Amino acid sequence: MGHKWAKDERYRNKKTPEAFSAISEKLDKFIEVSTLARKDREKMSQTQQNLANSKVEVARLNEKAAEKNLKCKMLDTYRELLLAPTTNLNAHDLAEREKALESMRLALFASDN
């Protein structure tokens, strides 16, 4: 009887199919939650990448606007220098004015051609 009792006791201590199904359900739930968390991380990563791309685009547009603003100011200065009276300028000052005008002309109009 001792042998039979030990055998029965051993079978009683084994996990039942309900325990296996409970573990299986918990494992399935864990896998589902892990998958959702991974998808959320991927969405967050994509959102951060889009934000970074937007910031790069804004910086590029700001740089372009600053270049246009600089060119407008340079054009105003060129126009003022061109229209300034030269009657009181000596030869050296006239030569400097011509150099400045030529330099500004190249900077403003050479790249447009």
PDB file of N, CA and C in Angstrom:
ATOM      1  N   MET A   1       0.801  -1.174   0.000  1.00  0.00           N
ATOM      2  CA  MET A   1       0.000   0.000   0.000  1.00  0.00           C
ATOM      3  C   MET A   1       0.860   1.260   0.000  1.00  0.00           C
ATOM      4  N   GLY A   2       2.035   1.235   0.528  1.00  0.00           N
ATOM      5  CA  GLY A   2       2.910   2.399   0.576  1.00  0.00           C
ATOM      6  C   GLY A   2       3.312   2.860  -0.806  1.00  0.00           C
ATOM      7  N   HIS A   3       3.542   1.866  -1.688  1.00  0.00           N
ATOM      8  CA  HIS A   3       3.946   2.212  -3.052  1.00  0.00           C
ATOM      9  C   HIS A   3       2.807   2.904  -3.781  1.00  0.00           C
ATOM     10  N   LYS A   4       1.605   2.349  -3.638  1.00  0.00           N
ATOM     11  CA  LYS A   4       0.436   2.926  -4.300  1.00  0.00           C
ATOM     12  C   LYS A   4       0.143   4.315  -3.730  1.00  0.00           C
ATOM     13  N   TRP A   5       0.304   4.466  -2.418  1.00  0.00           N
ATOM     14  CA  TRP A   5       0.050   5.763  -1.797  1.00  0.00           C
ATOM     15  C   TRP A   5       1.040   6.814  -2.307  1.00  0.00           C
ATOM     16  N   ALA A   6       2.311   6.469  -2.454  1.00  0.00           N
ATOM     17  CA  ALA A   6       3.333   7.394  -2.942  1.00  0.00           C
ATOM     18  C   ALA A   6       3.055   7.782  -4.393  1.00  0.00           C
ATOM     19  N   LYS A   7       2.606   6.796  -5.179  1.00  0.00           N
ATOM     20  CA  LYS A   7       2.291   7.062  -6.579  1.00  0.00           C
ATOM     21  C   LYS A   7       1.116   8.028  -6.685  1.00  0.00           C
ATOM     22  N   ASP A   8       0.081   7.794  -5.898  1.00  0.00           N
ATOM     23  CA  ASP A   8      -1.078   8.696  -5.901  1.00  0.00           C
ATOM     24  C   ASP A   8      -0.676  10.101  -5.443  1.00  0.00           C
ATOM     25  N   GLU A   9       0.156  10.162  -4.438  1.00  0.00           N
ATOM     26  CA  GLU A   9       0.618  11.456  -3.919  1.00  0.00           C
ATOM     27  C   GLU A   9       1.408  12.211  -4.989  1.00  0.00           C
ATOM     28  N   ARG A  10       2.227  11.497  -5.738  1.00  0.00           N
ATOM     29  CA  ARG A  10       3.009  12.111  -6.807  1.00  0.00           C
ATOM     30  C   ARG A  10       2.091  12.684  -7.879  1.00  0.00           C
ATOM     31  N   TYR A  11       1.078  11.973  -8.275  1.00  0.00           N
ATOM     32  CA  TYR A  11       0.135  12.462  -9.293  1.00  0.00           C
ATOM     33  C   TYR A  11      -0.678  13.649  -8.770  1.00  0.00           C
ATOM     34  N   ARG A  12      -0.982  13.643  -7.504  1.00  0.00           N
ATOM     35  CA  ARG A  12      -1.723  14.740  -6.911  1.00  0.00           C
ATOM     36  C   ARG A  12      -0.898  16.029  -6.917  1.00  0.00           C
ATOM     37  N   ASN A  13       0.418  15.918  -6.765  1.00  0.00           N
ATOM     38  CA  ASN A  13       1.296  17.080  -6.719  1.00  0.00           C
ATOM     39  C   ASN A  13       1.605  17.642  -8.111  1.00  0.00           C
ATOM     40  N   LYS A  14       1.325  16.883  -9.147  1.00  0.00           N
ATOM     41  CA  LYS A  14       1.572  17.383 -10.505  1.00  0.00           C
ATOM     42  C   LYS A  14       0.595  18.498 -10.820  1.00  0.00           C
ATOM     43  N   LYS A  15       1.019  19.400 -11.687  1.00  0.00           N
ATOM     44  CA  LYS A  15       0.158  20.517 -12.083  1.00  0.00           C
ATOM     45  C   LYS A  15      -0.977  20.003 -12.932  1.00  0.00           C
ATOM     46  N   THR A  16      -2.101  20.578 -12.705  1.00  0.00           N
ATOM     47  CA  THR A  16      -3.294  20.177 -13.432  1.00  0.00           C
ATOM     48  C   THR A  16      -3.385  20.966 -14.729  1.00  0.00           C
ATOM     49  N   PRO A  17      -4.206  20.514 -15.664  1.00  0.00           N
ATOM     50  CA  PRO A  17      -4.379  21.253 -16.918  1.00  0.00           C
ATOM     51  C   PRO A  17      -4.876  22.678 -16.694  1.00  0.00           C
ATOM     52  N   GLU A  18      -5.645  22.904 -15.612  1.00  0.00           N
ATOM     53  CA  GLU A  18      -6.106  24.264 -15.328  1.00  0.00           C
ATOM     54  C   GLU A  18      -4.921  25.181 -15.035  1.00  0.00           C
ATOM     55  N   ALA A  19      -3.947  24.660 -14.315  1.00  0.00           N
ATOM     56  CA  ALA A  19      -2.763  25.464 -14.008  1.00  0.00           C
ATOM     57  C   ALA A  19      -1.999  25.782 -15.290  1.00  0.00           C
ATOM     58  N   PHE A  20      -1.913  24.785 -16.169  1.00  0.00           N
ATOM     59  CA  PHE A  20      -1.243  25.029 -17.446  1.00  0.00           C
ATOM     60  C   PHE A  20      -1.977  26.090 -18.255  1.00  0.00           C
ATOM     61  N   SER A  21      -3.298  26.023 -18.269  1.00  0.00           N
ATOM     62  CA  SER A  21      -4.053  27.007 -19.046  1.00  0.00           C
ATOM     63  C   SER A  21      -3.934  28.390 -18.413  1.00  0.00           C
ATOM     64  N   ALA A  22      -3.866  28.462 -17.081  1.00  0.00           N
ATOM     65  CA  ALA A  22      -3.701  29.756 -16.415  1.00  0.00           C
ATOM     66  C   ALA A  22      -2.346  30.363 -16.764  1.00  0.00           C
ATOM     67  N   ILE A  23      -1.318  29.530 -16.736  1.00  0.00           N
ATOM     68  CA  ILE A  23       0.018  30.006 -17.109  1.00  0.00           C
ATOM     69  C   ILE A  23       0.036  30.421 -18.573  1.00  0.00           C
ATOM     70  N   SER A  24      -0.609  29.632 -19.403  1.00  0.00           N
ATOM     71  CA  SER A  24      -0.677  29.953 -20.825  1.00  0.00           C
ATOM     72  C   SER A  24      -1.397  31.278 -21.059  1.00  0.00           C
ATOM     73  N   GLU A  25      -2.499  31.503 -20.327  1.00  0.00           N
ATOM     74  CA  GLU A  25      -3.233  32.766 -20.453  1.00  0.00           C
ATOM     75  C   GLU A  25      -2.375  33.946 -20.008  1.00  0.00           C
ATOM     76  N   LYS A  26      -1.665  33.763 -18.897  1.00  0.00           N
ATOM     77  CA  LYS A  26      -0.793  34.833 -18.415  1.00  0.00           C
ATOM     78  C   LYS A  26       0.326  35.121 -19.411  1.00  0.00           C
ATOM     79  N   LEU A  27       0.874  34.058 -19.998  1.00  0.00           N
ATOM     80  CA  LEU A  27       1.924  34.229 -20.992  1.00  0.00           C
ATOM     81  C   LEU A  27       1.389  34.941 -22.229  1.00  0.00           C
ATOM     82  N   ASP A  28       0.196  34.559 -22.676  1.00  0.00           N
ATOM     83  CA  ASP A  28      -0.418  35.232 -23.826  1.00  0.00           C
ATOM     84  C   ASP A  28      -0.659  36.708 -23.528  1.00  0.00           C
ATOM     85  N   LYS A  29      -1.135  37.000 -22.322  1.00  0.00           N
ATOM     86  CA  LYS A  29      -1.383  38.392 -21.931  1.00  0.00           C
ATOM     87  C   LYS A  29      -0.070  39.173 -21.898  1.00  0.00           C
ATOM     88  N   PHE A  30       0.986  38.556 -21.373  1.00  0.00           N
ATOM     89  CA  PHE A  30       2.296  39.202 -21.328  1.00  0.00           C
ATOM     90  C   PHE A  30       2.802  39.508 -22.738  1.00  0.00           C
ATOM     91  N   ILE A  31       2.646  38.542 -23.636  1.00  0.00           N
ATOM     92  CA  ILE A  31       3.078  38.739 -25.026  1.00  0.00           C
ATOM     93  C   ILE A  31       2.276  39.865 -25.670  1.00  0.00           C
ATOM     94  N   GLU A  32       0.973  39.896 -25.410  1.00  0.00           N
ATOM     95  CA  GLU A  32       0.117  40.945 -25.978  1.00  0.00           C
ATOM     96  C   GLU A  32       0.534  42.328 -25.461  1.00  0.00           C
ATOM     97  N   VAL A  33       0.755  42.430 -24.162  1.00  0.00           N
ATOM     98  CA  VAL A  33       1.159  43.705 -23.566  1.00  0.00           C
ATOM     99  C   VAL A  33       2.534  44.120 -24.080  1.00  0.00           C
ATOM    100  N   SER A  34       3.444  43.170 -24.204  1.00  0.00           N
ATOM    101  CA  SER A  34       4.776  43.474 -24.727  1.00  0.00           C
ATOM    102  C   SER A  34       4.701  43.968 -26.165  1.00  0.00           C
ATOM    103  N   THR A  35       3.849  43.348 -26.964  1.00  0.00           N
ATOM    104  CA  THR A  35       3.677  43.764 -28.356  1.00  0.00           C
ATOM    105  C   THR A  35       3.106  45.176 -28.430  1.00  0.00           C
ATOM    106  N   LEU A  36       2.107  45.463 -27.604  1.00  0.00           N
ATOM    107  CA  LEU A  36       1.531  46.814 -27.576  1.00  0.00           C
ATOM    108  C   LEU A  36       2.569  47.847 -27.137  1.00  0.00           C
ATOM    109  N   ALA A  37       3.376  47.498 -26.145  1.00  0.00           N
ATOM    110  CA  ALA A  37       4.411  48.422 -25.672  1.00  0.00           C
ATOM    111  C   ALA A  37       5.440  48.681 -26.770  1.00  0.00           C
ATOM    112  N   ARG A  38       5.808  47.637 -27.516  1.00  0.00           N
ATOM    113  CA  ARG A  38       6.764  47.798 -28.614  1.00  0.00           C
ATOM    114  C   ARG A  38       6.186  48.701 -29.694  1.00  0.00           C
ATOM    115  N   LYS A  39       4.907  48.495 -30.014  1.00  0.00           N
ATOM    116  CA  LYS A  39       4.259  49.338 -31.027  1.00  0.00           C
ATOM    117  C   LYS A  39       4.196  50.792 -30.563  1.00  0.00           C
ATOM    118  N   ASP A  40       3.905  50.995 -29.279  1.00  0.00           N
ATOM    119  CA  ASP A  40       3.878  52.360 -28.745  1.00  0.00           C
ATOM    120  C   ASP A  40       5.258  53.007 -28.814  1.00  0.00           C
ATOM    121  N   ARG A  41       6.305  52.235 -28.513  1.00  0.00           N
ATOM    122  CA  ARG A  41       7.664  52.772 -28.615  1.00  0.00           C
ATOM    123  C   ARG A  41       8.003  53.125 -30.055  1.00  0.00           C
ATOM    124  N   GLU A  42       7.564  52.289 -31.004  1.00  0.00           N
ATOM    125  CA  GLU A  42       7.811  52.581 -32.414  1.00  0.00           C
ATOM    126  C   GLU A  42       7.081  53.853 -32.841  1.00  0.00           C
ATOM    127  N   LYS A  43       5.831  54.020 -32.377  1.00  0.00           N
ATOM    128  CA  LYS A  43       5.082  55.247 -32.688  1.00  0.00           C
ATOM    129  C   LYS A  43       5.799  56.465 -32.114  1.00  0.00           C
ATOM    130  N   MET A  44       6.266  56.354 -30.876  1.00  0.00           N
ATOM    131  CA  MET A  44       6.965  57.465 -30.233  1.00  0.00           C
ATOM    132  C   MET A  44       8.246  57.788 -30.987  1.00  0.00           C
ATOM    133  N   SER A  45       8.956  56.764 -31.404  1.00  0.00           N
ATOM    134  CA  SER A  45      10.182  56.972 -32.168  1.00  0.00           C
ATOM    135  C   SER A  45       9.884  57.674 -33.488  1.00  0.00           C
ATOM    136  N   GLN A  46       8.831  57.264 -34.157  1.00  0.00           N
ATOM    137  CA  GLN A  46       8.437  57.892 -35.422  1.00  0.00           C
ATOM    138  C   GLN A  46       8.034  59.350 -35.194  1.00  0.00           C
ATOM    139  N   THR A  47       7.302  59.606 -34.121  1.00  0.00           N
ATOM    140  CA  THR A  47       6.897  60.976 -33.795  1.00  0.00           C
ATOM    141  C   THR A  47       8.117  61.846 -33.516  1.00  0.00           C
ATOM    142  N   GLN A  48       9.072  61.308 -32.774  1.00  0.00           N
ATOM    143  CA  GLN A  48      10.294  62.058 -32.487  1.00  0.00           C
ATOM    144  C   GLN A  48      11.083  62.320 -33.763  1.00  0.00           C
ATOM    145  N   GLN A  49      11.121  61.348 -34.669  1.00  0.00           N
ATOM    146  CA  GLN A  49      11.820  61.536 -35.941  1.00  0.00           C
ATOM    147  C   GLN A  49      11.133  62.621 -36.768  1.00  0.00           C
ATOM    148  N   ASN A  50       9.798  62.606 -36.805  1.00  0.00           N
ATOM    149  CA  ASN A  50       9.061  63.640 -37.535  1.00  0.00           C
ATOM    150  C   ASN A  50       9.323  65.017 -36.943  1.00  0.00           C
ATOM    151  N   LEU A  51       9.370  65.096 -35.623  1.00  0.00           N
ATOM    152  CA  LEU A  51       9.644  66.362 -34.955  1.00  0.00           C
ATOM    153  C   LEU A  51      11.051  66.853 -35.287  1.00  0.00           C
ATOM    154  N   ALA A  52      12.012  65.955 -35.283  1.00  0.00           N
ATOM    155  CA  ALA A  52      13.386  66.328 -35.627  1.00  0.00           C
ATOM    156  C   ALA A  52      13.462  66.814 -37.071  1.00  0.00           C
ATOM    157  N   ASN A  53      12.770  66.126 -37.974  1.00  0.00           N
ATOM    158  CA  ASN A  53      12.763  66.555 -39.374  1.00  0.00           C
ATOM    159  C   ASN A  53      12.123  67.930 -39.519  1.00  0.00           C
ATOM    160  N   SER A  54      11.068  68.178 -38.763  1.00  0.00           N
ATOM    161  CA  SER A  54      10.410  69.486 -38.808  1.00  0.00           C
ATOM    162  C   SER A  54      11.342  70.581 -38.300  1.00  0.00           C
ATOM    163  N   LYS A  55      12.081  70.283 -37.245  1.00  0.00           N
ATOM    164  CA  LYS A  55      13.021  71.269 -36.708  1.00  0.00           C
ATOM    165  C   LYS A  55      14.119  71.576 -37.716  1.00  0.00           C
ATOM    166  N   VAL A  56      14.594  70.570 -38.419  1.00  0.00           N
ATOM    167  CA  VAL A  56      15.617  70.782 -39.444  1.00  0.00           C
ATOM    168  C   VAL A  56      15.059  71.659 -40.561  1.00  0.00           C
ATOM    169  N   GLU A  57      13.824  71.397 -40.961  1.00  0.00           N
ATOM    170  CA  GLU A  57      13.187  72.189 -42.018  1.00  0.00           C
ATOM    171  C   GLU A  57      13.007  73.638 -41.570  1.00  0.00           C
ATOM    172  N   VAL A  58      12.589  73.845 -40.330  1.00  0.00           N
ATOM    173  CA  VAL A  58      12.424  75.205 -39.805  1.00  0.00           C
ATOM    174  C   VAL A  58      13.768  75.926 -39.781  1.00  0.00           C
ATOM    175  N   ALA A  59      14.813  75.245 -39.357  1.00  0.00           N
ATOM    176  CA  ALA A  59      16.142  75.859 -39.327  1.00  0.00           C
ATOM    177  C   ALA A  59      16.599  76.229 -40.735  1.00  0.00           C
ATOM    178  N   ARG A  60      16.323  75.364 -41.699  1.00  0.00           N
ATOM    179  CA  ARG A  60      16.705  75.646 -43.083  1.00  0.00           C
ATOM    180  C   ARG A  60      15.952  76.865 -43.606  1.00  0.00           C
ATOM    181  N   LEU A  61      14.657  76.937 -43.319  1.00  0.00           N
ATOM    182  CA  LEU A  61      13.860  78.082 -43.768  1.00  0.00           C
ATOM    183  C   LEU A  61      14.294  79.377 -43.075  1.00  0.00           C
ATOM    184  N   ASN A  62      14.636  79.293 -41.795  1.00  0.00           N
ATOM    185  CA  ASN A  62      15.129  80.478 -41.082  1.00  0.00           C
ATOM    186  C   ASN A  62      16.442  80.968 -41.674  1.00  0.00           C
ATOM    187  N   GLU A  63      17.309  80.028 -42.028  1.00  0.00           N
ATOM    188  CA  GLU A  63      18.584  80.408 -42.638  1.00  0.00           C
ATOM    189  C   GLU A  63      18.352  81.076 -43.987  1.00  0.00           C
ATOM    190  N   LYS A  64      17.431  80.531 -44.763  1.00  0.00           N
ATOM    191  CA  LYS A  64      17.117  81.109 -46.065  1.00  0.00           C
ATOM    192  C   LYS A  64      16.543  82.518 -45.907  1.00  0.00           C
ATOM    193  N   ALA A  65      15.671  82.703 -44.927  1.00  0.00           N
ATOM    194  CA  ALA A  65      15.092  84.023 -44.670  1.00  0.00           C
ATOM    195  C   ALA A  65      16.168  85.019 -44.236  1.00  0.00           C
ATOM    196  N   ALA A  66      17.106  84.564 -43.417  1.00  0.00           N
ATOM    197  CA  ALA A  66      18.195  85.441 -42.978  1.00  0.00           C
ATOM    198  C   ALA A  66      19.067  85.849 -44.162  1.00  0.00           C
ATOM    199  N   GLU A  67      19.319  84.913 -45.077  1.00  0.00           N
ATOM    200  CA  GLU A  67      20.099  85.242 -46.275  1.00  0.00           C
ATOM    201  C   GLU A  67      19.370  86.279 -47.124  1.00  0.00           C
ATOM    202  N   LYS A  68      18.058  86.114 -47.291  1.00  0.00           N
ATOM    203  CA  LYS A  68      17.267  87.085 -48.062  1.00  0.00           C
ATOM    204  C   LYS A  68      17.296  88.454 -47.389  1.00  0.00           C
ATOM    205  N   ASN A  69      17.170  88.468 -46.069  1.00  0.00           N
ATOM    206  CA  ASN A  69      17.196  89.721 -45.330  1.00  0.00           C
ATOM    207  C   ASN A  69      18.544  90.418 -45.496  1.00  0.00           C
ATOM    208  N   LEU A  70      19.623  89.661 -45.416  1.00  0.00           N
ATOM    209  CA  LEU A  70      20.961  90.212 -45.598  1.00  0.00           C
ATOM    210  C   LEU A  70      21.118  90.784 -46.999  1.00  0.00           C
ATOM    211  N   LYS A  71      20.616  90.064 -47.984  1.00  0.00           N
ATOM    212  CA  LYS A  71      20.719  90.531 -49.362  1.00  0.00           C
ATOM    213  C   LYS A  71      19.917  91.823 -49.559  1.00  0.00           C
ATOM    214  N   CYS A  72      18.746  91.917 -48.936  1.00  0.00           N
ATOM    215  CA  CYS A  72      17.938  93.143 -49.026  1.00  0.00           C
ATOM    216  C   CYS A  72      18.672  94.329 -48.407  1.00  0.00           C
ATOM    217  N   LYS A  73      19.279  94.113 -47.248  1.00  0.00           N
ATOM    218  CA  LYS A  73      20.031  95.192 -46.606  1.00  0.00           C
ATOM    219  C   LYS A  73      21.222  95.603 -47.464  1.00  0.00           C
ATOM    220  N   MET A  74      21.895  94.615 -48.041  1.00  0.00           N
ATOM    221  CA  MET A  74      23.038  94.921 -48.892  1.00  0.00           C
ATOM    222  C   MET A  74      22.589  95.691 -50.132  1.00  0.00           C
ATOM    223  N   LEU A  75      21.452  95.323 -50.682  1.00  0.00           N
ATOM    224  CA  LEU A  75      20.920  96.017 -51.850  1.00  0.00           C
ATOM    225  C   LEU A  75      20.556  97.462 -51.506  1.00  0.00           C
ATOM    226  N   ASP A  76      19.983  97.681 -50.331  1.00  0.00           N
ATOM    227  CA  ASP A  76      19.681  99.051 -49.893  1.00  0.00           C
ATOM    228  C   ASP A  76      20.960  99.872 -49.752  1.00  0.00           C
ATOM    229  N   THR A  77      21.981  99.273 -49.159  1.00  0.00           N
ATOM    230  CA  THR A  77      23.258  99.966 -49.004  1.00  0.00           C
ATOM    231  C   THR A  77      23.877 100.258 -50.365  1.00  0.00           C
ATOM    232  N   TYR A  78      23.796  99.313 -51.267  1.00  0.00           N
ATOM    233  CA  TYR A  78      24.323  99.502 -52.624  1.00  0.00           C
ATOM    234  C   TYR A  78      23.601 100.664 -53.306  1.00  0.00           C
ATOM    235  N   ARG A  79      22.282 100.682 -53.186  1.00  0.00           N
ATOM    236  CA  ARG A  79      21.489 101.757 -53.800  1.00  0.00           C
ATOM    237  C   ARG A  79      21.859 103.116 -53.202  1.00  0.00           C
ATOM    238  N   GLU A  80      21.995 103.176 -51.870  1.00  0.00           N
ATOM    239  CA  GLU A  80      22.378 104.436 -51.220  1.00  0.00           C
ATOM    240  C   GLU A  80      23.759 104.890 -51.663  1.00  0.00           C
ATOM    241  N   LEU A  81      24.688 103.965 -51.761  1.00  0.00           N
ATOM    242  CA  LEU A  81      26.046 104.305 -52.193  1.00  0.00           C
ATOM    243  C   LEU A  81      26.052 104.749 -53.643  1.00  0.00           C
ATOM    244  N   LEU A  82      25.242 104.120 -54.452  1.00  0.00           N
ATOM    245  CA  LEU A  82      25.158 104.462 -55.867  1.00  0.00           C
ATOM    246  C   LEU A  82      24.554 105.855 -56.063  1.00  0.00           C
ATOM    247  N   LEU A  83      23.588 106.212 -55.255  1.00  0.00           N
ATOM    248  CA  LEU A  83      22.905 107.501 -55.394  1.00  0.00           C
ATOM    249  C   LEU A  83      23.551 108.628 -54.587  1.00  0.00           C
ATOM    250  N   ALA A  84      24.540 108.308 -53.780  1.00  0.00           N
ATOM    251  CA  ALA A  84      25.198 109.329 -52.954  1.00  0.00           C
ATOM    252  C   ALA A  84      25.947 110.318 -53.850  1.00  0.00           C
ATOM    253  N   PRO A  85      25.938 111.588 -53.487  1.00  0.00           N
ATOM    254  CA  PRO A  85      26.659 112.588 -54.298  1.00  0.00           C
ATOM    255  C   PRO A  85      28.173 112.365 -54.218  1.00  0.00           C
ATOM    256  N   THR A  86      28.838 112.540 -55.351  1.00  0.00           N
ATOM    257  CA  THR A  86      30.286 112.312 -55.426  1.00  0.00           C
ATOM    258  C   THR A  86      31.051 113.590 -55.725  1.00  0.00           C
ATOM    259  N   THR A  87      30.400 114.721 -55.707  1.00  0.00           N
ATOM    260  CA  THR A  87      31.069 115.973 -56.089  1.00  0.00           C
ATOM    261  C   THR A  87      32.151 116.372 -55.108  1.00  0.00           C
ATOM    262  N   ASN A  88      32.019 116.065 -53.844  1.00  0.00           N
ATOM    263  CA  ASN A  88      32.996 116.469 -52.835  1.00  0.00           C
ATOM    264  C   ASN A  88      34.058 115.396 -52.580  1.00  0.00           C
ATOM    265  N   LEU A  89      34.045 114.284 -53.321  1.00  0.00           N
ATOM    266  CA  LEU A  89      35.005 113.196 -53.088  1.00  0.00           C
ATOM    267  C   LEU A  89      36.278 113.435 -53.884  1.00  0.00           C
ATOM    268  N   ASN A  90      37.422 113.156 -53.261  1.00  0.00           N
ATOM    269  CA  ASN A  90      38.690 113.247 -53.994  1.00  0.00           C
ATOM    270  C   ASN A  90      38.910 111.952 -54.775  1.00  0.00           C
ATOM    271  N   ALA A  91      39.991 111.843 -55.483  1.00  0.00           N
ATOM    272  CA  ALA A  91      40.265 110.701 -56.357  1.00  0.00           C
ATOM    273  C   ALA A  91      40.368 109.399 -55.564  1.00  0.00           C
ATOM    274  N   HIS A  92      41.019 109.456 -54.403  1.00  0.00           N
ATOM    275  CA  HIS A  92      41.173 108.252 -53.573  1.00  0.00           C
ATOM    276  C   HIS A  92      39.805 107.757 -53.087  1.00  0.00           C
ATOM    277  N   ASP A  93      38.967 108.662 -52.614  1.00  0.00           N
ATOM    278  CA  ASP A  93      37.631 108.288 -52.137  1.00  0.00           C
ATOM    279  C   ASP A  93      36.760 107.759 -53.271  1.00  0.00           C
ATOM    280  N   LEU A  94      36.900 108.346 -54.457  1.00  0.00           N
ATOM    281  CA  LEU A  94      36.151 107.851 -55.619  1.00  0.00           C
ATOM    282  C   LEU A  94      36.573 106.427 -55.973  1.00  0.00           C
ATOM    283  N   ALA A  95      37.883 106.171 -55.889  1.00  0.00           N
ATOM    284  CA  ALA A  95      38.387 104.826 -56.181  1.00  0.00           C
ATOM    285  C   ALA A  95      37.856 103.821 -55.153  1.00  0.00           C
ATOM    286  N   GLU A  96      37.847 104.213 -53.879  1.00  0.00           N
ATOM    287  CA  GLU A  96      37.307 103.343 -52.822  1.00  0.00           C
ATOM    288  C   GLU A  96      35.818 103.078 -53.042  1.00  0.00           C
ATOM    289  N   ARG A  97      35.095 104.108 -53.440  1.00  0.00           N
ATOM    290  CA  ARG A  97      33.657 103.966 -53.720  1.00  0.00           C
ATOM    291  C   ARG A  97      33.440 102.984 -54.859  1.00  0.00           C
ATOM    292  N   GLU A  98      34.237 103.102 -55.907  1.00  0.00           N
ATOM    293  CA  GLU A  98      34.124 102.196 -57.056  1.00  0.00           C
ATOM    294  C   GLU A  98      34.441 100.754 -56.653  1.00  0.00           C
ATOM    295  N   LYS A  99      35.458 100.583 -55.810  1.00  0.00           N
ATOM    296  CA  LYS A  99      35.793  99.230 -55.329  1.00  0.00           C
ATOM    297  C   LYS A  99      34.631  98.644 -54.520  1.00  0.00           C
ATOM    298  N   ALA A 100      34.061  99.465 -53.648  1.00  0.00           N
ATOM    299  CA  ALA A 100      32.944  99.002 -52.822  1.00  0.00           C
ATOM    300  C   ALA A 100      31.744  98.655 -53.694  1.00  0.00           C
ATOM    301  N   LEU A 101      31.445  99.503 -54.670  1.00  0.00           N
ATOM    302  CA  LEU A 101      30.321  99.236 -55.571  1.00  0.00           C
ATOM    303  C   LEU A 101      30.543  97.949 -56.362  1.00  0.00           C
ATOM    304  N   GLU A 102      31.763  97.775 -56.867  1.00  0.00           N
ATOM    305  CA  GLU A 102      32.068  96.568 -57.643  1.00  0.00           C
ATOM    306  C   GLU A 102      31.951  95.311 -56.773  1.00  0.00           C
ATOM    307  N   SER A 103      32.475  95.394 -55.561  1.00  0.00           N
ATOM    308  CA  SER A 103      32.396  94.251 -54.647  1.00  0.00           C
ATOM    309  C   SER A 103      30.937  93.907 -54.327  1.00  0.00           C
ATOM    310  N   MET A 104      30.137  94.925 -54.056  1.00  0.00           N
ATOM    311  CA  MET A 104      28.725  94.693 -53.751  1.00  0.00           C
ATOM    312  C   MET A 104      27.976  94.197 -54.977  1.00  0.00           C
ATOM    313  N   ARG A 105      28.328  94.721 -56.136  1.00  0.00           N
ATOM    314  CA  ARG A 105      27.690  94.280 -57.384  1.00  0.00           C
ATOM    315  C   ARG A 105      27.946  92.789 -57.603  1.00  0.00           C
ATOM    316  N   LEU A 106      29.181  92.368 -57.402  1.00  0.00           N
ATOM    317  CA  LEU A 106      29.509  90.941 -57.564  1.00  0.00           C
ATOM    318  C   LEU A 106      28.758  90.085 -56.539  1.00  0.00           C
ATOM    319  N   ALA A 107      28.706  90.552 -55.311  1.00  0.00           N
ATOM    320  CA  ALA A 107      28.023  89.780 -54.265  1.00  0.00           C
ATOM    321  C   ALA A 107      26.518  89.695 -54.519  1.00  0.00           C
ATOM    322  N   LEU A 108      25.948  90.771 -55.016  1.00  0.00           N
ATOM    323  CA  LEU A 108      24.495  90.809 -55.197  1.00  0.00           C
ATOM    324  C   LEU A 108      24.026  90.161 -56.491  1.00  0.00           C
ATOM    325  N   PHE A 109      24.736  90.425 -57.579  1.00  0.00           N
ATOM    326  CA  PHE A 109      24.189  90.070 -58.886  1.00  0.00           C
ATOM    327  C   PHE A 109      24.922  88.948 -59.609  1.00  0.00           C
ATOM    328  N   ALA A 110      26.111  88.585 -59.185  1.00  0.00           N
ATOM    329  CA  ALA A 110      26.871  87.551 -59.904  1.00  0.00           C
ATOM    330  C   ALA A 110      26.207  86.180 -59.770  1.00  0.00           C
ATOM    331  N   SER A 111      25.645  85.871 -58.618  1.00  0.00           N
ATOM    332  CA  SER A 111      25.041  84.548 -58.417  1.00  0.00           C
ATOM    333  C   SER A 111      23.671  84.441 -59.070  1.00  0.00           C
ATOM    334  N   ASP A 112      23.047  85.569 -59.408  1.00  0.00           N
ATOM    335  CA  ASP A 112      21.719  85.545 -60.026  1.00  0.00           C
ATOM    336  C   ASP A 112      21.775  85.151 -61.495  1.00  0.00           C
ATOM    337  N   ASN A 113      22.905  85.336 -62.152  1.00  0.00           N
ATOM    338  CA  ASN A 113      23.000  85.050 -63.600  1.00  0.00           C
ATOM    339  C   ASN A 113      23.029  83.595 -63.887  1.00  0.00           C
TER     340      ASN A 113
END
